[in-house]
Amino acid sequence: RVLSASRGLGHRVRDIRSRIAHSSVGTWLFVLLLGTAAAGMSSGAIAPGQQRRAVVYDAAAGKLGMKVATLSMPSVGEAQMLVSVKAASLNPIDYKLPKVPIVGLSSGGKVVGIDFSGVVERTGPSVDTFKRGDKVFGFAQVMTEHGALSPFLLCDPSRCSKMPTSADFVQAASIPTASVTSLQALRDEAGLKQGDKVLILGASGGCGLAGVQIAHALGAEITAVCSGGNADLVRQMGASRVVDYTVQTVSEALKGEASSFDVVYDTVTSPEDKDYYTECHFLVKPKGRYVGINAGASDWIRYFGSRLSGLRLEKTHFRMVVTDHKTAPQDLSTLAEMMDDGSLNPVIDTTFDFSSEGVCGAFERLKSRRTVGKLVVTMPP
């Protein structure tokens, strides 16, 4: 076992029922199309020539930049499997992808979504790790016709794992990106170990809550940053101390603790948000790590420059973590074990139906940056 078992935590699901008004013509068109299509999106038996509905990227489709399209049912290749999707969770990259330089230029028509859970319907001849009826969760193939927001997708067996026995489809779908990223950031990139002190920024978001629980399972001493309203939840997940950023800045709250943290895990900083590195890097020990899952534009340039040149171009202590799908089966299996032993408990902010209000409401809430845990879209029965 990569992570030692830790004390079980009670499963907590926050069901925040939000009513969102949509004024954009493009959004209303999306709602109308998806509502009209709902009856044809059942994930039951597959009939010959059956088609499927999917949410795809379309730059001309109003403020969401997405629309509903009718796609043919994919044929299963030699080393592929067809999965009947039961739930899909959302990540910020889902709506940001079309704006990514170069990559975003080819996003049109590609199916939205990365994280999914579901049931194997068919397998290719060379697939021997899964069989029809297996419950699986994992990563859809981004920038293809096999994204997660569709009742069916073709899956690469090397990008998924069998679901934890203790989890339902909603819980399993919430795990892949947020929890695998946090696992790779803390265990692998930061080398977090028993007794280390870690500061987690954005501790009540999807990656933050996963990070708190993973750090706790690794035996670290956790200081978490979130709003006061989420402090009790974050403590329940394993934090020993919480800094309320709405009351004082992190640098003010920890001004007497320079060079005292082995690891700072930053789940907040992005090109659109505050740069916490400037404020918090003084807290890292001389041989410590400041690990981010996103960063400003200049840091992304340094990140790619480092990988292309082989030189160390990133800032002092700083490491950027981009989810590595090559180790997906092992990492997902580790997380499944943690869920089964109670050391990783998914926190669901809101569950949305794959319906007229559902997908639009889910992305509006995601963009609000006020979620506690994960947003999950469920497919019709």
Protein backbone atom coordinates (compact mmCIF):
# COMPACT_ATOMS: atom_id res chain seq x y z
CA ARG A 1 0.00 0.00 0.00
CA VAL A 2 1.36 3.40 -0.97
CA LEU A 3 -0.55 5.25 1.74
CA SER A 4 -1.02 3.92 5.23
CA ALA A 5 -4.61 3.57 6.43
CA SER A 6 -5.78 6.45 8.59
CA ARG A 7 -8.73 6.97 10.84
CA GLY A 8 -12.08 6.72 9.02
CA LEU A 9 -13.98 9.94 8.45
CA GLY A 10 -17.72 10.15 8.14
CA HIS A 11 -18.90 10.66 4.57
CA ARG A 12 -20.26 14.15 4.11
CA VAL A 13 -22.16 15.32 1.08
CA ARG A 14 -23.19 18.92 0.72
CA ASP A 15 -26.23 19.22 -1.52
CA ILE A 16 -26.46 22.90 -2.40
CA ARG A 17 -29.54 23.48 -4.49
CA SER A 18 -28.93 26.49 -6.66
CA ARG A 19 -31.37 28.20 -9.00
CA ILE A 20 -29.58 29.99 -11.78
CA ALA A 21 -31.13 32.46 -14.20
CA HIS A 22 -29.70 32.37 -17.73
CA SER A 23 -30.03 35.44 -19.89
CA SER A 24 -27.76 34.48 -22.79
CA VAL A 25 -29.54 33.45 -25.97
CA GLY A 26 -26.81 30.86 -26.53
CA THR A 27 -27.39 29.36 -23.09
CA TRP A 28 -31.15 29.13 -23.62
CA LEU A 29 -30.57 27.44 -26.96
CA PHE A 30 -28.32 24.94 -25.19
CA VAL A 31 -31.04 24.31 -22.61
CA LEU A 32 -33.70 23.81 -25.29
CA LEU A 33 -31.58 21.39 -27.28
CA LEU A 34 -30.54 19.36 -24.26
CA GLY A 35 -34.08 19.25 -22.93
CA THR A 36 -35.39 18.06 -26.29
CA ALA A 37 -32.69 15.42 -26.46
CA ALA A 38 -33.14 14.04 -22.94
CA ALA A 39 -35.53 11.28 -23.94
CA GLY A 40 -33.01 9.91 -26.44
CA MET A 41 -30.08 9.72 -24.07
CA SER A 42 -30.91 6.61 -22.09
CA SER A 43 -27.83 4.51 -21.33
CA GLY A 44 -29.66 1.20 -21.51
CA ALA A 45 -29.29 -1.49 -24.16
CA ILE A 46 -27.39 -0.50 -27.31
CA ALA A 47 -29.40 -0.90 -30.49
CA PRO A 48 -27.76 -1.29 -33.92
CA GLY A 49 -27.12 2.11 -35.48
CA GLN A 50 -27.96 3.88 -32.25
CA GLN A 51 -26.80 7.45 -31.87
CA ARG A 52 -25.91 9.34 -28.72
CA ARG A 53 -26.14 12.91 -27.54
CA ALA A 54 -23.10 14.69 -26.14
CA VAL A 55 -22.06 18.13 -24.95
CA VAL A 56 -19.39 19.42 -27.35
CA TYR A 57 -17.30 22.56 -27.63
CA ASP A 58 -18.55 25.23 -30.04
CA ALA A 59 -17.13 28.76 -29.92
CA ALA A 60 -20.31 30.16 -31.53
CA ALA A 61 -22.66 28.64 -28.94
CA GLY A 62 -23.07 31.61 -26.58
CA LYS A 63 -21.37 32.24 -23.26
CA LEU A 64 -20.98 28.55 -22.42
CA GLY A 65 -19.08 27.84 -25.63
CA MET A 66 -20.79 24.46 -25.76
CA LYS A 67 -23.74 22.85 -27.49
CA VAL A 68 -25.53 19.52 -27.78
CA ALA A 69 -24.59 17.39 -30.77
CA THR A 70 -25.78 14.04 -32.09
CA LEU A 71 -22.90 11.60 -32.52
CA SER A 72 -22.75 8.06 -33.79
CA MET A 73 -22.20 5.24 -31.32
CA PRO A 74 -18.46 4.47 -31.42
CA SER A 75 -17.08 1.15 -32.58
CA VAL A 76 -14.91 -0.65 -30.06
CA GLY A 77 -11.31 -1.08 -31.15
CA GLU A 78 -8.85 -3.87 -30.41
CA ALA A 79 -7.63 -2.39 -27.11
CA GLN A 80 -10.62 -0.25 -26.15
CA MET A 81 -13.81 -0.64 -24.18
CA LEU A 82 -17.21 0.99 -24.40
CA VAL A 83 -18.45 2.40 -21.11
CA SER A 84 -22.01 3.35 -20.22
CA VAL A 85 -21.38 6.56 -18.29
CA LYS A 86 -23.35 6.93 -15.05
CA ALA A 87 -21.80 10.14 -13.69
CA ALA A 88 -19.25 12.76 -14.73
CA SER A 89 -17.62 15.38 -12.54
CA LEU A 90 -16.56 18.81 -13.74
CA ASN A 91 -13.17 20.53 -13.59
CA PRO A 92 -12.22 24.12 -14.46
CA ILE A 93 -10.20 22.86 -17.43
CA ASP A 94 -13.48 21.69 -18.97
CA TYR A 95 -14.53 25.26 -19.79
CA LYS A 96 -11.02 26.73 -20.03
CA LEU A 97 -9.72 24.26 -22.61
CA PRO A 98 -10.94 26.15 -25.71
CA LYS A 99 -8.93 29.18 -24.53
CA VAL A 100 -5.66 27.30 -24.14
CA PRO A 101 -3.20 28.53 -26.81
CA ILE A 102 -2.77 26.19 -29.79
CA VAL A 103 -4.62 23.30 -28.08
CA GLY A 104 -7.89 25.22 -27.97
CA LEU A 105 -7.88 25.83 -31.71
CA SER A 106 -8.91 22.24 -32.36
CA SER A 107 -11.50 21.96 -29.57
CA GLY A 108 -14.56 22.48 -31.79
CA GLY A 109 -16.81 19.42 -31.86
CA LYS A 110 -14.86 17.57 -29.17
CA VAL A 111 -16.89 16.15 -26.28
CA VAL A 112 -16.56 17.99 -22.97
CA GLY A 113 -15.42 16.33 -19.74
CA ILE A 114 -12.63 14.24 -18.26
CA ASP A 115 -13.76 12.48 -15.07
CA PHE A 116 -16.34 9.70 -15.25
CA SER A 117 -17.70 6.57 -13.66
CA GLY A 118 -19.79 3.89 -15.33
CA VAL A 119 -20.25 0.30 -16.39
CA VAL A 120 -18.31 -1.58 -19.07
CA GLU A 121 -20.62 -2.50 -21.98
CA ARG A 122 -18.17 -4.00 -24.47
CA THR A 123 -14.45 -4.74 -24.60
CA GLY A 124 -12.02 -5.13 -27.47
CA PRO A 125 -10.42 -8.54 -28.14
CA SER A 126 -7.12 -7.67 -26.43
CA VAL A 127 -8.65 -6.18 -23.26
CA ASP A 128 -8.17 -8.66 -20.43
CA THR A 129 -8.23 -6.36 -17.38
CA PHE A 130 -11.95 -5.58 -17.55
CA LYS A 131 -15.12 -7.37 -18.61
CA ARG A 132 -18.71 -6.47 -19.38
CA GLY A 133 -20.52 -5.37 -16.24
CA ASP A 134 -17.45 -4.09 -14.38
CA LYS A 135 -17.95 -0.79 -12.58
CA VAL A 136 -15.10 1.56 -13.49
CA PHE A 137 -13.94 5.14 -12.96
CA GLY A 138 -11.21 7.15 -14.57
CA PHE A 139 -10.15 9.66 -17.21
CA ALA A 140 -11.89 10.16 -20.53
CA GLN A 141 -9.73 11.02 -23.52
CA VAL A 142 -9.68 14.79 -23.68
CA MET A 143 -10.02 16.56 -27.04
CA THR A 144 -11.73 13.60 -28.69
CA GLU A 145 -15.32 12.45 -29.31
CA HIS A 146 -15.04 10.40 -26.13
CA GLY A 147 -15.32 13.00 -23.38
CA ALA A 148 -17.26 12.34 -20.19
CA LEU A 149 -20.43 14.37 -20.88
CA SER A 150 -22.13 11.72 -22.98
CA PRO A 151 -24.06 8.57 -22.05
CA PHE A 152 -21.39 6.45 -23.76
CA LEU A 153 -17.66 6.81 -24.31
CA LEU A 154 -14.78 4.75 -25.61
CA CYS A 155 -12.25 4.26 -22.85
CA ASP A 156 -8.57 3.35 -22.86
CA PRO A 157 -8.25 0.64 -20.16
CA SER A 158 -4.94 2.18 -19.06
CA ARG A 159 -6.76 5.35 -17.97
CA CYS A 160 -9.21 3.80 -15.50
CA SER A 161 -9.62 1.38 -12.64
CA LYS A 162 -12.33 -0.66 -10.98
CA MET A 163 -14.52 1.41 -8.68
CA PRO A 164 -14.06 1.23 -4.91
CA THR A 165 -16.52 -1.25 -3.42
CA SER A 166 -17.69 1.37 -0.91
CA ALA A 167 -18.46 4.10 -3.47
CA ASP A 168 -21.46 4.92 -5.61
CA PHE A 169 -21.15 6.31 -9.13
CA VAL A 170 -21.36 9.96 -8.01
CA GLN A 171 -18.61 9.53 -5.44
CA ALA A 172 -16.37 7.62 -7.85
CA ALA A 173 -16.77 10.19 -10.63
CA SER A 174 -15.63 12.95 -8.27
CA ILE A 175 -12.23 11.35 -7.69
CA PRO A 176 -10.01 11.17 -10.82
CA THR A 177 -8.62 14.63 -11.61
CA ALA A 178 -8.79 16.30 -8.18
CA SER A 179 -7.54 13.36 -6.14
CA VAL A 180 -4.96 11.97 -8.59
CA THR A 181 -3.51 15.47 -9.03
CA SER A 182 -3.29 15.94 -5.25
CA LEU A 183 -1.76 12.48 -4.79
CA GLN A 184 0.91 13.16 -7.41
CA ALA A 185 1.55 16.66 -6.04
CA LEU A 186 1.96 15.69 -2.39
CA ARG A 187 3.28 12.14 -2.46
CA ASP A 188 5.41 12.31 -5.61
CA GLU A 189 6.44 15.89 -6.37
CA ALA A 190 6.62 17.20 -2.80
CA GLY A 191 7.72 13.92 -1.20
CA LEU A 192 5.45 14.63 1.76
CA LYS A 193 6.07 12.27 4.68
CA GLN A 194 5.17 11.55 8.27
CA GLY A 195 5.65 14.60 10.51
CA ASP A 196 6.10 17.15 7.70
CA LYS A 197 4.34 20.49 7.97
CA VAL A 198 2.17 21.37 4.96
CA LEU A 199 0.18 24.49 4.12
CA ILE A 200 -2.76 23.87 1.77
CA LEU A 201 -4.19 26.89 -0.07
CA GLY A 202 -7.80 26.55 -1.27
CA ALA A 203 -8.44 23.71 1.16
CA SER A 204 -12.22 23.52 0.64
CA GLY A 205 -12.17 23.09 -3.15
CA GLY A 206 -11.99 19.79 -5.02
CA CYS A 207 -8.19 19.48 -5.08
CA GLY A 208 -7.90 21.13 -1.67
CA LEU A 209 -10.15 18.69 0.18
CA ALA A 210 -8.48 15.75 -1.56
CA GLY A 211 -5.11 17.25 -0.61
CA VAL A 212 -6.06 17.64 3.06
CA GLN A 213 -7.13 14.00 3.28
CA ILE A 214 -4.10 12.66 1.41
CA ALA A 215 -1.72 14.75 3.53
CA HIS A 216 -3.48 13.47 6.66
CA ALA A 217 -3.12 9.86 5.47
CA LEU A 218 0.59 10.50 4.88
CA GLY A 219 0.93 11.67 8.48
CA ALA A 220 1.59 15.36 7.84
CA GLU A 221 0.68 18.28 10.10
CA ILE A 222 -1.79 20.37 8.10
CA THR A 223 -2.49 24.09 8.09
CA ALA A 224 -5.38 24.80 5.75
CA VAL A 225 -6.53 28.05 4.14
CA CYS A 226 -10.23 28.51 3.37
CA SER A 227 -13.18 30.68 4.39
CA GLY A 228 -14.40 30.46 7.96
CA GLY A 229 -17.66 28.90 6.84
CA ASN A 230 -15.81 25.80 5.61
CA ALA A 231 -13.39 25.53 8.52
CA ASP A 232 -15.24 22.76 10.38
CA LEU A 233 -15.42 20.58 7.26
CA VAL A 234 -11.71 21.05 6.55
CA ARG A 235 -10.83 20.18 10.16
CA GLN A 236 -13.02 17.08 9.91
CA MET A 237 -10.98 16.00 6.89
CA GLY A 238 -7.70 16.24 8.80
CA ALA A 239 -6.47 19.82 9.15
CA SER A 240 -5.13 20.73 12.59
CA ARG A 241 -5.27 24.48 11.95
CA VAL A 242 -7.35 26.67 9.64
CA VAL A 243 -6.57 30.18 8.38
CA ASP A 244 -9.66 32.17 7.37
CA TYR A 245 -8.54 34.22 4.37
CA THR A 246 -11.65 36.43 4.64
CA VAL A 247 -10.41 37.75 8.00
CA GLN A 248 -6.70 38.22 7.28
CA THR A 249 -4.21 37.40 4.55
CA VAL A 250 -2.13 34.25 4.80
CA SER A 251 1.06 36.28 5.18
CA GLU A 252 -0.47 38.22 8.07
CA ALA A 253 -1.76 35.10 9.81
CA LEU A 254 1.58 33.27 9.48
CA LYS A 255 4.02 36.21 9.60
CA GLY A 256 5.97 34.65 12.45
CA GLU A 257 6.48 31.32 10.66
CA ALA A 258 8.98 32.10 7.90
CA SER A 259 10.78 29.03 6.52
CA SER A 260 8.69 26.70 8.68
CA PHE A 261 6.74 24.60 6.13
CA ASP A 262 8.15 21.59 4.33
CA VAL A 263 5.48 21.92 1.63
CA VAL A 264 3.05 24.57 0.40
CA TYR A 265 0.34 23.07 -1.82
CA ASP A 266 -1.32 25.81 -3.87
CA THR A 267 -4.64 24.87 -5.49
CA VAL A 268 -5.76 28.48 -6.04
CA THR A 269 -3.26 30.49 -8.09
CA SER A 270 -4.14 30.76 -11.78
CA PRO A 271 -3.92 33.35 -14.57
CA GLU A 272 -7.38 34.57 -13.49
CA ASP A 273 -6.82 34.54 -9.72
CA LYS A 274 -4.46 35.81 -7.04
CA ASP A 275 -0.80 34.76 -7.20
CA TYR A 276 -0.20 33.20 -3.79
CA TYR A 277 3.44 32.39 -4.52
CA THR A 278 4.39 36.05 -4.13
CA GLU A 279 2.68 36.16 -0.74
CA CYS A 280 3.57 32.73 0.62
CA HIS A 281 6.91 31.50 -0.72
CA PHE A 282 8.70 32.95 2.35
CA LEU A 283 6.99 30.22 4.41
CA VAL A 284 8.84 27.36 2.66
CA LYS A 285 11.90 25.81 4.28
CA PRO A 286 15.20 26.15 2.36
CA LYS A 287 14.86 22.57 1.09
CA GLY A 288 11.08 22.60 0.93
CA ARG A 289 8.71 22.64 -2.03
CA TYR A 290 6.04 25.06 -3.20
CA VAL A 291 3.81 22.89 -5.40
CA GLY A 292 1.12 24.44 -7.62
CA ILE A 293 -1.47 22.89 -9.91
CA ASN A 294 -1.83 26.10 -11.92
CA ALA A 295 0.03 29.41 -12.17
CA GLY A 296 0.29 32.72 -13.96
CA ALA A 297 1.20 32.95 -17.64
CA SER A 298 4.91 33.57 -16.99
CA ASP A 299 5.15 30.42 -14.85
CA TRP A 300 3.54 28.33 -17.57
CA ILE A 301 6.20 29.61 -19.98
CA ARG A 302 8.90 28.62 -17.49
CA TYR A 303 7.27 25.22 -17.01
CA PHE A 304 7.27 24.36 -20.70
CA GLY A 305 10.69 25.95 -21.14
CA SER A 306 12.09 23.70 -18.41
CA ARG A 307 10.75 20.59 -20.07
CA LEU A 308 11.88 21.52 -23.55
CA SER A 309 15.37 22.63 -22.52
CA GLY A 310 16.07 20.28 -19.62
CA LEU A 311 17.10 23.31 -17.56
CA ARG A 312 15.64 24.38 -14.23
CA LEU A 313 13.79 27.60 -15.13
CA GLU A 314 11.04 27.63 -12.48
CA LYS A 315 11.11 29.98 -9.49
CA THR A 316 12.79 29.14 -6.19
CA HIS A 317 11.08 26.19 -4.45
CA PHE A 318 8.36 26.17 -7.11
CA ARG A 319 7.14 23.05 -8.89
CA MET A 320 4.18 22.83 -11.25
CA VAL A 321 2.18 19.60 -11.30
CA VAL A 322 0.22 18.57 -14.38
CA THR A 323 -1.71 15.35 -13.92
CA ASP A 324 0.23 12.40 -15.32
CA HIS A 325 -2.19 9.86 -16.76
CA LYS A 326 0.54 7.27 -17.35
CA THR A 327 0.21 6.08 -13.77
CA ALA A 328 -3.60 6.37 -13.75
CA PRO A 329 -4.41 2.70 -12.96
CA GLN A 330 -2.02 2.56 -10.01
CA ASP A 331 -3.01 5.96 -8.64
CA LEU A 332 -6.73 5.31 -9.02
CA SER A 333 -6.27 1.93 -7.33
CA THR A 334 -4.48 3.62 -4.43
CA LEU A 335 -7.31 6.12 -4.08
CA ALA A 336 -9.90 3.34 -4.27
CA GLU A 337 -8.16 1.62 -1.35
CA MET A 338 -8.22 4.88 0.58
CA MET A 339 -11.94 5.26 -0.04
CA ASP A 340 -12.58 1.70 1.09
CA ASP A 341 -10.55 2.12 4.30
CA GLY A 342 -12.18 5.46 5.10
CA SER A 343 -9.15 7.71 4.68
CA LEU A 344 -10.53 9.41 1.56
CA ASN A 345 -14.14 10.62 1.60
CA PRO A 346 -15.52 12.46 -1.45
CA VAL A 347 -17.23 15.75 -0.74
CA ILE A 348 -19.93 16.57 -3.27
CA ASP A 349 -20.99 20.20 -3.52
CA THR A 350 -23.97 19.62 -5.82
CA THR A 351 -25.28 16.88 -8.08
CA PHE A 352 -26.92 17.94 -11.36
CA ASP A 353 -29.03 15.96 -13.80
CA PHE A 354 -27.99 15.67 -17.45
CA SER A 355 -30.97 17.83 -18.32
CA SER A 356 -32.00 21.31 -19.42
CA GLU A 357 -31.10 23.03 -16.13
CA GLY A 358 -28.45 20.56 -15.12
CA VAL A 359 -25.44 21.08 -17.36
CA CYS A 360 -25.90 24.86 -17.58
CA GLY A 361 -26.33 25.12 -13.83
CA ALA A 362 -23.29 22.95 -13.18
CA PHE A 363 -20.99 25.12 -15.27
CA GLU A 364 -22.38 28.35 -13.86
CA ARG A 365 -21.67 27.09 -10.36
CA LEU A 366 -18.21 25.87 -11.37
CA LYS A 367 -17.36 29.30 -12.74
CA SER A 368 -18.46 30.94 -9.48
CA ARG A 369 -15.35 29.49 -7.78
CA ARG A 370 -17.40 29.05 -4.61
CA THR A 371 -17.81 25.29 -4.68
CA VAL A 372 -17.08 23.13 -1.66
CA GLY A 373 -15.87 19.83 -3.05
CA LYS A 374 -16.95 18.57 -6.47
CA LEU A 375 -19.79 19.11 -8.94
CA VAL A 376 -21.17 15.96 -10.55
CA VAL A 377 -23.56 15.46 -13.49
CA THR A 378 -25.57 12.23 -13.47
CA MET A 379 -26.77 10.47 -16.61
CA PRO A 380 -30.36 9.34 -17.13
CA PRO A 381 -31.11 5.69 -16.22
